Amino acid sequence: MSDEKPPCGIYVTTAAIGNVPAGRLVYFHNHGEPGPGIYLPSSWKGNRARFEARGHLLPTPDAVSHLEKLPREGFYRVREPFYCCEEHCRRFEAESLVQLGYDGTGAAILFTPQWVDGQLAVPDRGTRIERDRVRSMTALTVAVVDTPVHEDGAEQVLLH
């Protein structure tokens, strides 16, 4: 395997990595001492995962093959209408503003902001969507204030 590591960001484990089981949301940090590692969510704030301060070192360099990259958390514009799932439980309309987040298993959740009493409010409950539905959305750029940003300049805002 090449020494090329995937970029830092959020992933879901597709197989166990050390003592972290398959099907877990993780933050992968591709550099640092003593080496690359994964961090489990410790809490959520504003529908975004915050990750534990101490991670789990990758047992082998090949362990990165068990990480599936996830679209970044944050606000998106719905480009084309879509349903949450094959059962058509919930339709998301074009030009809607939504927030993408994940649960501890890496399942995608959409939160629909609402205009409430003159302010934009984002609910703390959302709708699970099939991950492939994200292709119908475009990530938006939102100003970041008083939130740590990854030191290597990556666009991902760190919440760990």
N, C-alpha and C. Protein backbone atom coordinates (compact mmCIF):
# COMPACT_ATOMS: atom_id res chain seq x y z
N MET A 1 0.85 -1.19 0.00
CA MET A 1 0.00 0.00 0.00
C MET A 1 0.88 1.23 0.00
N SER A 2 0.44 2.27 -0.63
CA SER A 2 1.16 3.53 -0.68
C SER A 2 1.14 4.20 0.68
N ASP A 3 2.11 5.09 0.90
CA ASP A 3 2.14 5.85 2.15
C ASP A 3 1.15 7.01 2.12
N GLU A 4 0.46 7.17 1.02
CA GLU A 4 -0.54 8.23 0.87
C GLU A 4 -1.68 8.00 1.85
N LYS A 5 -1.96 9.02 2.65
CA LYS A 5 -3.05 8.91 3.61
C LYS A 5 -4.21 9.77 3.13
N PRO A 6 -5.44 9.35 3.43
CA PRO A 6 -6.58 10.20 3.07
C PRO A 6 -6.54 11.50 3.86
N PRO A 7 -7.27 12.51 3.41
CA PRO A 7 -7.27 13.79 4.13
C PRO A 7 -7.95 13.69 5.49
N CYS A 8 -7.60 14.58 6.38
CA CYS A 8 -8.29 14.67 7.66
C CYS A 8 -9.76 14.97 7.39
N GLY A 9 -10.64 14.41 8.20
CA GLY A 9 -12.06 14.66 8.03
C GLY A 9 -12.89 13.58 8.68
N ILE A 10 -14.19 13.64 8.42
CA ILE A 10 -15.09 12.65 9.02
C ILE A 10 -15.29 11.48 8.07
N TYR A 11 -15.34 10.30 8.69
CA TYR A 11 -15.43 9.04 7.97
C TYR A 11 -16.35 8.11 8.75
N VAL A 12 -16.71 7.00 8.12
CA VAL A 12 -17.36 5.90 8.82
C VAL A 12 -16.45 4.69 8.64
N THR A 13 -16.31 3.90 9.69
CA THR A 13 -15.49 2.69 9.60
C THR A 13 -16.28 1.61 8.87
N THR A 14 -15.63 0.95 7.91
CA THR A 14 -16.29 -0.12 7.15
C THR A 14 -15.92 -1.49 7.68
N ALA A 15 -14.93 -1.55 8.55
CA ALA A 15 -14.50 -2.77 9.25
C ALA A 15 -13.89 -2.29 10.56
N ALA A 16 -13.72 -3.20 11.49
CA ALA A 16 -13.11 -2.83 12.77
C ALA A 16 -11.69 -2.30 12.52
N ILE A 17 -11.35 -1.25 13.25
CA ILE A 17 -9.99 -0.70 13.24
C ILE A 17 -9.55 -0.70 14.70
N GLY A 18 -8.67 -1.62 15.04
CA GLY A 18 -8.30 -1.79 16.44
C GLY A 18 -9.54 -2.16 17.23
N ASN A 19 -9.81 -1.41 18.31
CA ASN A 19 -11.00 -1.71 19.11
C ASN A 19 -12.21 -0.86 18.72
N VAL A 20 -12.11 -0.14 17.61
CA VAL A 20 -13.25 0.63 17.10
C VAL A 20 -13.99 -0.25 16.09
N PRO A 21 -15.27 -0.56 16.36
CA PRO A 21 -15.99 -1.48 15.47
C PRO A 21 -16.37 -0.84 14.13
N ALA A 22 -16.76 -1.69 13.21
CA ALA A 22 -17.29 -1.22 11.92
C ALA A 22 -18.58 -0.44 12.17
N GLY A 23 -18.86 0.49 11.27
CA GLY A 23 -20.11 1.24 11.35
C GLY A 23 -20.10 2.34 12.39
N ARG A 24 -18.94 2.95 12.63
CA ARG A 24 -18.84 4.04 13.59
C ARG A 24 -18.39 5.32 12.89
N LEU A 25 -19.00 6.42 13.27
CA LEU A 25 -18.56 7.74 12.82
C LEU A 25 -17.24 8.03 13.52
N VAL A 26 -16.25 8.49 12.76
CA VAL A 26 -14.95 8.85 13.33
C VAL A 26 -14.42 10.09 12.64
N TYR A 27 -13.52 10.77 13.32
CA TYR A 27 -12.72 11.83 12.71
C TYR A 27 -11.35 11.23 12.48
N PHE A 28 -10.86 11.27 11.24
CA PHE A 28 -9.53 10.76 10.92
C PHE A 28 -8.57 11.93 10.89
N HIS A 29 -7.48 11.80 11.65
CA HIS A 29 -6.43 12.81 11.69
C HIS A 29 -5.20 12.15 11.09
N ASN A 30 -4.74 12.64 9.93
CA ASN A 30 -3.72 11.92 9.17
C ASN A 30 -2.28 12.24 9.56
N HIS A 31 -2.09 13.07 10.56
CA HIS A 31 -0.74 13.41 10.97
C HIS A 31 -0.72 13.64 12.48
N GLY A 32 0.44 13.81 13.02
CA GLY A 32 0.57 14.06 14.45
C GLY A 32 1.48 13.04 15.09
N GLU A 33 1.70 13.21 16.36
CA GLU A 33 2.55 12.30 17.12
C GLU A 33 1.69 11.50 18.07
N PRO A 34 1.82 10.22 18.11
CA PRO A 34 2.85 9.43 17.43
C PRO A 34 2.49 8.99 16.02
N GLY A 35 1.32 9.33 15.51
CA GLY A 35 0.98 8.94 14.14
C GLY A 35 -0.48 9.18 13.86
N PRO A 36 -0.97 8.79 12.66
CA PRO A 36 -2.36 9.00 12.30
C PRO A 36 -3.30 8.19 13.19
N GLY A 37 -4.49 8.76 13.42
CA GLY A 37 -5.45 8.06 14.28
C GLY A 37 -6.87 8.46 13.99
N ILE A 38 -7.79 7.77 14.66
CA ILE A 38 -9.21 8.07 14.54
C ILE A 38 -9.75 8.45 15.90
N TYR A 39 -10.75 9.33 15.88
CA TYR A 39 -11.35 9.87 17.09
C TYR A 39 -12.85 9.62 17.03
N LEU A 40 -13.40 9.13 18.11
CA LEU A 40 -14.84 8.87 18.18
C LEU A 40 -15.58 10.11 18.65
N PRO A 41 -16.85 10.25 18.29
CA PRO A 41 -17.63 11.38 18.79
C PRO A 41 -17.79 11.28 20.30
N SER A 42 -17.69 12.42 20.96
CA SER A 42 -17.92 12.45 22.41
C SER A 42 -19.20 13.19 22.74
N SER A 43 -19.65 14.05 21.83
CA SER A 43 -20.90 14.79 22.03
C SER A 43 -21.28 15.46 20.71
N TRP A 44 -22.44 16.11 20.72
CA TRP A 44 -22.89 16.88 19.56
C TRP A 44 -23.28 18.26 20.04
N LYS A 45 -22.96 19.27 19.24
CA LYS A 45 -23.36 20.64 19.54
C LYS A 45 -23.75 21.28 18.22
N GLY A 46 -24.94 21.87 18.18
CA GLY A 46 -25.39 22.48 16.93
C GLY A 46 -25.52 21.47 15.82
N ASN A 47 -25.88 20.24 16.16
CA ASN A 47 -26.05 19.13 15.20
C ASN A 47 -24.74 18.70 14.55
N ARG A 48 -23.64 19.04 15.16
CA ARG A 48 -22.32 18.64 14.65
C ARG A 48 -21.60 17.84 15.72
N ALA A 49 -20.90 16.83 15.27
CA ALA A 49 -20.15 15.98 16.20
C ALA A 49 -18.95 16.73 16.76
N ARG A 50 -18.71 16.49 18.03
CA ARG A 50 -17.47 16.91 18.69
C ARG A 50 -16.75 15.61 19.02
N PHE A 51 -15.46 15.60 18.83
CA PHE A 51 -14.72 14.35 18.93
C PHE A 51 -13.83 14.32 20.17
N GLU A 52 -13.62 13.10 20.68
CA GLU A 52 -12.83 12.91 21.89
C GLU A 52 -11.44 13.51 21.71
N ALA A 53 -10.85 13.94 22.82
CA ALA A 53 -9.53 14.56 22.78
C ALA A 53 -8.43 13.54 22.49
N ARG A 54 -8.60 12.32 22.96
CA ARG A 54 -7.60 11.27 22.74
C ARG A 54 -8.16 10.26 21.76
N GLY A 55 -7.42 10.04 20.72
CA GLY A 55 -7.88 9.13 19.68
C GLY A 55 -7.30 7.74 19.80
N HIS A 56 -7.46 6.99 18.73
CA HIS A 56 -6.98 5.61 18.64
C HIS A 56 -6.01 5.56 17.46
N LEU A 57 -4.77 5.20 17.73
CA LEU A 57 -3.79 5.08 16.65
C LEU A 57 -4.21 3.99 15.68
N LEU A 58 -3.92 4.20 14.41
CA LEU A 58 -4.18 3.15 13.43
C LEU A 58 -3.22 2.00 13.70
N PRO A 59 -3.72 0.77 13.78
CA PRO A 59 -2.84 -0.36 14.09
C PRO A 59 -1.84 -0.65 12.97
N THR A 60 -2.23 -0.37 11.72
CA THR A 60 -1.35 -0.56 10.57
C THR A 60 -1.67 0.53 9.55
N PRO A 61 -0.74 0.86 8.67
CA PRO A 61 -1.03 1.86 7.63
C PRO A 61 -2.20 1.44 6.74
N ASP A 62 -2.38 0.14 6.53
CA ASP A 62 -3.46 -0.35 5.67
C ASP A 62 -4.85 -0.14 6.27
N ALA A 63 -4.92 0.18 7.56
CA ALA A 63 -6.22 0.37 8.22
C ALA A 63 -7.02 1.50 7.58
N VAL A 64 -6.35 2.43 6.89
CA VAL A 64 -7.09 3.53 6.24
C VAL A 64 -8.04 3.01 5.16
N SER A 65 -7.80 1.80 4.67
CA SER A 65 -8.69 1.24 3.65
C SER A 65 -10.07 0.91 4.24
N HIS A 66 -10.19 0.93 5.56
CA HIS A 66 -11.46 0.65 6.23
C HIS A 66 -12.19 1.94 6.62
N LEU A 67 -11.81 3.04 5.99
CA LEU A 67 -12.47 4.33 6.24
C LEU A 67 -13.19 4.78 4.98
N GLU A 68 -14.47 5.10 5.10
CA GLU A 68 -15.25 5.64 3.99
C GLU A 68 -15.51 7.12 4.26
N LYS A 69 -15.00 7.97 3.38
CA LYS A 69 -15.14 9.43 3.54
C LYS A 69 -16.60 9.82 3.48
N LEU A 70 -16.99 10.74 4.37
CA LEU A 70 -18.35 11.26 4.39
C LEU A 70 -18.35 12.72 3.94
N PRO A 71 -19.42 13.17 3.30
CA PRO A 71 -19.53 14.60 3.00
C PRO A 71 -19.47 15.39 4.30
N ARG A 72 -18.89 16.56 4.24
CA ARG A 72 -18.71 17.34 5.47
C ARG A 72 -20.03 17.75 6.09
N GLU A 73 -20.02 17.86 7.41
CA GLU A 73 -21.17 18.39 8.12
C GLU A 73 -21.30 19.87 7.78
N GLY A 74 -22.50 20.40 7.87
CA GLY A 74 -22.67 21.82 7.65
C GLY A 74 -23.93 22.12 6.87
N PHE A 75 -24.00 23.35 6.39
CA PHE A 75 -25.18 23.82 5.68
C PHE A 75 -25.03 23.58 4.18
N TYR A 76 -26.16 23.22 3.59
CA TYR A 76 -26.22 22.90 2.16
C TYR A 76 -27.45 23.54 1.55
N ARG A 77 -27.38 23.73 0.23
CA ARG A 77 -28.53 24.15 -0.58
C ARG A 77 -28.99 22.92 -1.35
N VAL A 78 -30.28 22.66 -1.32
CA VAL A 78 -30.83 21.56 -2.11
C VAL A 78 -30.91 22.03 -3.56
N ARG A 79 -30.14 21.39 -4.46
CA ARG A 79 -30.14 21.76 -5.88
C ARG A 79 -31.34 21.21 -6.62
N GLU A 80 -31.70 19.98 -6.31
CA GLU A 80 -32.84 19.34 -6.98
C GLU A 80 -33.62 18.57 -5.93
N PRO A 81 -34.94 18.54 -6.06
CA PRO A 81 -35.75 17.88 -5.04
C PRO A 81 -35.40 16.39 -4.92
N PHE A 82 -35.53 15.89 -3.71
CA PHE A 82 -35.29 14.46 -3.47
C PHE A 82 -36.06 14.01 -2.24
N TYR A 83 -36.24 12.72 -2.15
CA TYR A 83 -36.87 12.10 -0.98
C TYR A 83 -35.78 11.54 -0.08
N CYS A 84 -36.08 11.45 1.19
CA CYS A 84 -35.11 10.96 2.16
C CYS A 84 -34.69 9.52 1.89
N CYS A 85 -35.63 8.73 1.36
CA CYS A 85 -35.38 7.29 1.20
C CYS A 85 -36.29 6.73 0.11
N GLU A 86 -36.16 5.46 -0.14
CA GLU A 86 -36.98 4.79 -1.16
C GLU A 86 -38.46 4.77 -0.80
N GLU A 87 -38.78 4.89 0.48
CA GLU A 87 -40.19 4.89 0.90
C GLU A 87 -40.86 6.26 0.71
N HIS A 88 -40.07 7.28 0.34
CA HIS A 88 -40.58 8.64 0.08
C HIS A 88 -41.26 9.24 1.31
N CYS A 89 -40.66 9.05 2.47
CA CYS A 89 -41.24 9.57 3.72
C CYS A 89 -41.23 11.09 3.77
N ARG A 90 -40.14 11.72 3.29
CA ARG A 90 -40.00 13.17 3.38
C ARG A 90 -39.36 13.68 2.11
N ARG A 91 -39.94 14.74 1.55
CA ARG A 91 -39.39 15.35 0.33
C ARG A 91 -38.67 16.65 0.71
N PHE A 92 -37.50 16.84 0.16
CA PHE A 92 -36.74 18.07 0.35
C PHE A 92 -36.80 18.83 -0.97
N GLU A 93 -37.31 20.05 -0.92
CA GLU A 93 -37.55 20.85 -2.12
C GLU A 93 -36.30 21.58 -2.58
N ALA A 94 -36.22 21.83 -3.89
CA ALA A 94 -35.12 22.59 -4.47
C ALA A 94 -35.06 23.97 -3.83
N GLU A 95 -33.85 24.47 -3.70
CA GLU A 95 -33.54 25.79 -3.15
C GLU A 95 -33.79 25.89 -1.64
N SER A 96 -33.98 24.75 -0.99
CA SER A 96 -34.13 24.74 0.47
C SER A 96 -32.77 24.79 1.14
N LEU A 97 -32.74 25.39 2.31
CA LEU A 97 -31.56 25.40 3.16
C LEU A 97 -31.68 24.23 4.14
N VAL A 98 -30.63 23.42 4.24
CA VAL A 98 -30.63 22.29 5.17
C VAL A 98 -29.26 22.21 5.85
N GLN A 99 -29.24 21.55 6.99
CA GLN A 99 -27.98 21.28 7.67
C GLN A 99 -27.77 19.78 7.69
N LEU A 100 -26.58 19.34 7.26
CA LEU A 100 -26.23 17.92 7.25
C LEU A 100 -25.43 17.59 8.49
N GLY A 101 -25.86 16.54 9.18
CA GLY A 101 -25.13 16.02 10.32
C GLY A 101 -25.16 14.50 10.28
N TYR A 102 -24.57 13.88 11.27
CA TYR A 102 -24.49 12.42 11.33
C TYR A 102 -24.74 11.95 12.75
N ASP A 103 -25.23 10.71 12.87
CA ASP A 103 -25.31 10.10 14.19
C ASP A 103 -24.04 9.26 14.41
N GLY A 104 -23.96 8.58 15.52
CA GLY A 104 -22.76 7.83 15.87
C GLY A 104 -22.44 6.67 14.95
N THR A 105 -23.41 6.25 14.14
CA THR A 105 -23.16 5.17 13.18
C THR A 105 -22.78 5.72 11.80
N GLY A 106 -22.74 7.03 11.66
CA GLY A 106 -22.44 7.63 10.37
C GLY A 106 -23.65 7.78 9.48
N ALA A 107 -24.85 7.54 10.03
CA ALA A 107 -26.08 7.75 9.25
C ALA A 107 -26.29 9.26 9.07
N ALA A 108 -26.59 9.67 7.84
CA ALA A 108 -26.79 11.09 7.53
C ALA A 108 -28.15 11.55 8.05
N ILE A 109 -28.16 12.76 8.61
CA ILE A 109 -29.38 13.37 9.12
C ILE A 109 -29.46 14.79 8.57
N LEU A 110 -30.63 15.16 8.05
CA LEU A 110 -30.85 16.54 7.59
C LEU A 110 -31.73 17.27 8.58
N PHE A 111 -31.32 18.48 8.90
CA PHE A 111 -32.07 19.37 9.77
C PHE A 111 -32.54 20.54 8.91
N THR A 112 -33.80 20.90 9.02
CA THR A 112 -34.37 21.96 8.20
C THR A 112 -34.55 23.22 9.03
N PRO A 113 -33.72 24.26 8.79
CA PRO A 113 -33.87 25.51 9.53
C PRO A 113 -35.23 26.14 9.27
N GLN A 114 -35.69 26.88 10.26
CA GLN A 114 -36.99 27.55 10.18
C GLN A 114 -36.83 29.00 10.63
N TRP A 115 -37.66 29.87 10.05
CA TRP A 115 -37.68 31.26 10.46
C TRP A 115 -38.65 31.35 11.64
N VAL A 116 -38.13 31.66 12.83
CA VAL A 116 -38.93 31.69 14.06
C VAL A 116 -38.69 33.02 14.77
N ASP A 117 -39.76 33.78 14.94
CA ASP A 117 -39.69 35.03 15.71
C ASP A 117 -38.55 35.93 15.23
N GLY A 118 -38.42 36.04 13.90
CA GLY A 118 -37.44 36.95 13.33
C GLY A 118 -36.02 36.41 13.29
N GLN A 119 -35.83 35.13 13.59
CA GLN A 119 -34.49 34.55 13.58
C GLN A 119 -34.50 33.19 12.88
N LEU A 120 -33.36 32.86 12.33
CA LEU A 120 -33.21 31.54 11.74
C LEU A 120 -32.90 30.56 12.87
N ALA A 121 -33.71 29.53 13.01
CA ALA A 121 -33.53 28.53 14.06
C ALA A 121 -33.33 27.17 13.43
N VAL A 122 -32.36 26.44 13.95
CA VAL A 122 -32.10 25.09 13.46
C VAL A 122 -32.55 24.11 14.54
N PRO A 123 -33.49 23.22 14.20
CA PRO A 123 -33.99 22.28 15.20
C PRO A 123 -32.91 21.26 15.58
N ASP A 124 -33.10 20.63 16.73
CA ASP A 124 -32.15 19.60 17.15
C ASP A 124 -32.60 18.20 16.75
N ARG A 125 -33.72 18.11 16.04
CA ARG A 125 -34.19 16.83 15.50
C ARG A 125 -34.29 16.96 13.98
N GLY A 126 -33.87 15.91 13.31
CA GLY A 126 -33.87 15.95 11.86
C GLY A 126 -34.44 14.69 11.26
N THR A 127 -34.20 14.53 9.97
CA THR A 127 -34.69 13.39 9.20
C THR A 127 -33.49 12.61 8.67
N ARG A 128 -33.46 11.32 8.94
CA ARG A 128 -32.40 10.48 8.35
C ARG A 128 -32.60 10.42 6.85
N ILE A 129 -31.50 10.50 6.13
CA ILE A 129 -31.54 10.36 4.68
C ILE A 129 -30.52 9.30 4.27
N GLU A 130 -30.77 8.70 3.12
CA GLU A 130 -29.77 7.80 2.56
C GLU A 130 -28.61 8.67 2.09
N ARG A 131 -27.38 8.23 2.39
CA ARG A 131 -26.21 9.06 2.12
C ARG A 131 -26.07 9.48 0.68
N ASP A 132 -26.54 8.68 -0.26
CA ASP A 132 -26.39 9.05 -1.67
C ASP A 132 -27.23 10.27 -2.03
N ARG A 133 -28.17 10.66 -1.18
CA ARG A 133 -29.01 11.83 -1.44
C ARG A 133 -28.22 13.13 -1.38
N VAL A 134 -27.08 13.10 -0.74
CA VAL A 134 -26.25 14.30 -0.62
C VAL A 134 -25.83 14.80 -1.99
N ARG A 135 -25.80 13.93 -2.99
CA ARG A 135 -25.40 14.36 -4.35
C ARG A 135 -26.37 15.40 -4.91
N SER A 136 -27.56 15.53 -4.33
CA SER A 136 -28.55 16.52 -4.78
C SER A 136 -28.40 17.85 -4.06
N MET A 137 -27.32 17.99 -3.29
CA MET A 137 -27.12 19.20 -2.50
C MET A 137 -25.75 19.81 -2.79
N THR A 138 -25.62 21.10 -2.52
CA THR A 138 -24.35 21.81 -2.66
C THR A 138 -23.98 22.40 -1.32
N ALA A 139 -22.74 22.13 -0.89
CA ALA A 139 -22.26 22.68 0.38
C ALA A 139 -22.17 24.20 0.28
N LEU A 140 -22.57 24.88 1.34
CA LEU A 140 -22.50 26.33 1.41
C LEU A 140 -21.32 26.75 2.28
N THR A 141 -20.81 27.93 2.02
CA THR A 141 -19.77 28.49 2.85
C THR A 141 -20.43 29.38 3.89
N VAL A 142 -20.12 29.13 5.15
CA VAL A 142 -20.68 29.91 6.25
C VAL A 142 -19.51 30.46 7.05
N ALA A 143 -19.58 31.74 7.40
CA ALA A 143 -18.52 32.35 8.20
C ALA A 143 -18.37 31.61 9.52
N VAL A 144 -17.11 31.41 9.94
CA VAL A 144 -16.81 30.70 11.18
C VAL A 144 -16.18 31.69 12.16
N VAL A 145 -16.76 31.78 13.35
CA VAL A 145 -16.25 32.67 14.39
C VAL A 145 -16.08 31.86 15.67
N ASP A 146 -14.94 32.03 16.32
CA ASP A 146 -14.67 31.39 17.62
C ASP A 146 -14.82 29.88 17.59
N THR A 147 -14.42 29.25 16.49
CA THR A 147 -14.43 27.79 16.38
C THR A 147 -13.09 27.39 15.78
N PRO A 148 -12.39 26.42 16.41
CA PRO A 148 -11.07 26.05 15.88
C PRO A 148 -11.17 25.47 14.47
N VAL A 149 -10.24 25.89 13.62
CA VAL A 149 -10.15 25.38 12.25
C VAL A 149 -8.90 24.52 12.16
N HIS A 150 -8.94 23.50 11.35
CA HIS A 150 -7.82 22.57 11.21
C HIS A 150 -6.55 23.32 10.87
N GLU A 151 -5.45 22.98 11.53
CA GLU A 151 -4.21 23.72 11.37
C GLU A 151 -3.56 23.58 10.01
N ASP A 152 -3.94 22.59 9.20
CA ASP A 152 -3.31 22.46 7.89
C ASP A 152 -4.09 23.20 6.80
N GLY A 153 -5.06 24.03 7.20
CA GLY A 153 -5.79 24.83 6.24
C GLY A 153 -6.97 24.14 5.60
N ALA A 154 -7.25 22.91 6.00
CA ALA A 154 -8.40 22.20 5.43
C ALA A 154 -9.67 22.97 5.75
N GLU A 155 -10.67 22.87 4.87
CA GLU A 155 -11.91 23.62 5.06
C GLU A 155 -12.75 23.09 6.21
N GLN A 156 -12.44 21.90 6.68
CA GLN A 156 -13.21 21.28 7.76
C GLN A 156 -12.98 22.04 9.07
N VAL A 157 -14.05 22.43 9.71
CA VAL A 157 -13.96 23.06 11.03
C VAL A 157 -13.85 21.95 12.05
N LEU A 158 -12.87 22.06 12.92
CA LEU A 158 -12.67 21.03 13.94
C LEU A 158 -13.55 21.28 15.14
N LEU A 159 -14.26 20.27 15.56
CA LEU A 159 -15.04 20.36 16.78
C LEU A 159 -14.66 19.19 17.67
N HIS A 160 -13.36 19.06 17.94
CA HIS A 160 -12.91 18.01 18.87
C HIS A 160 -11.89 18.56 19.82
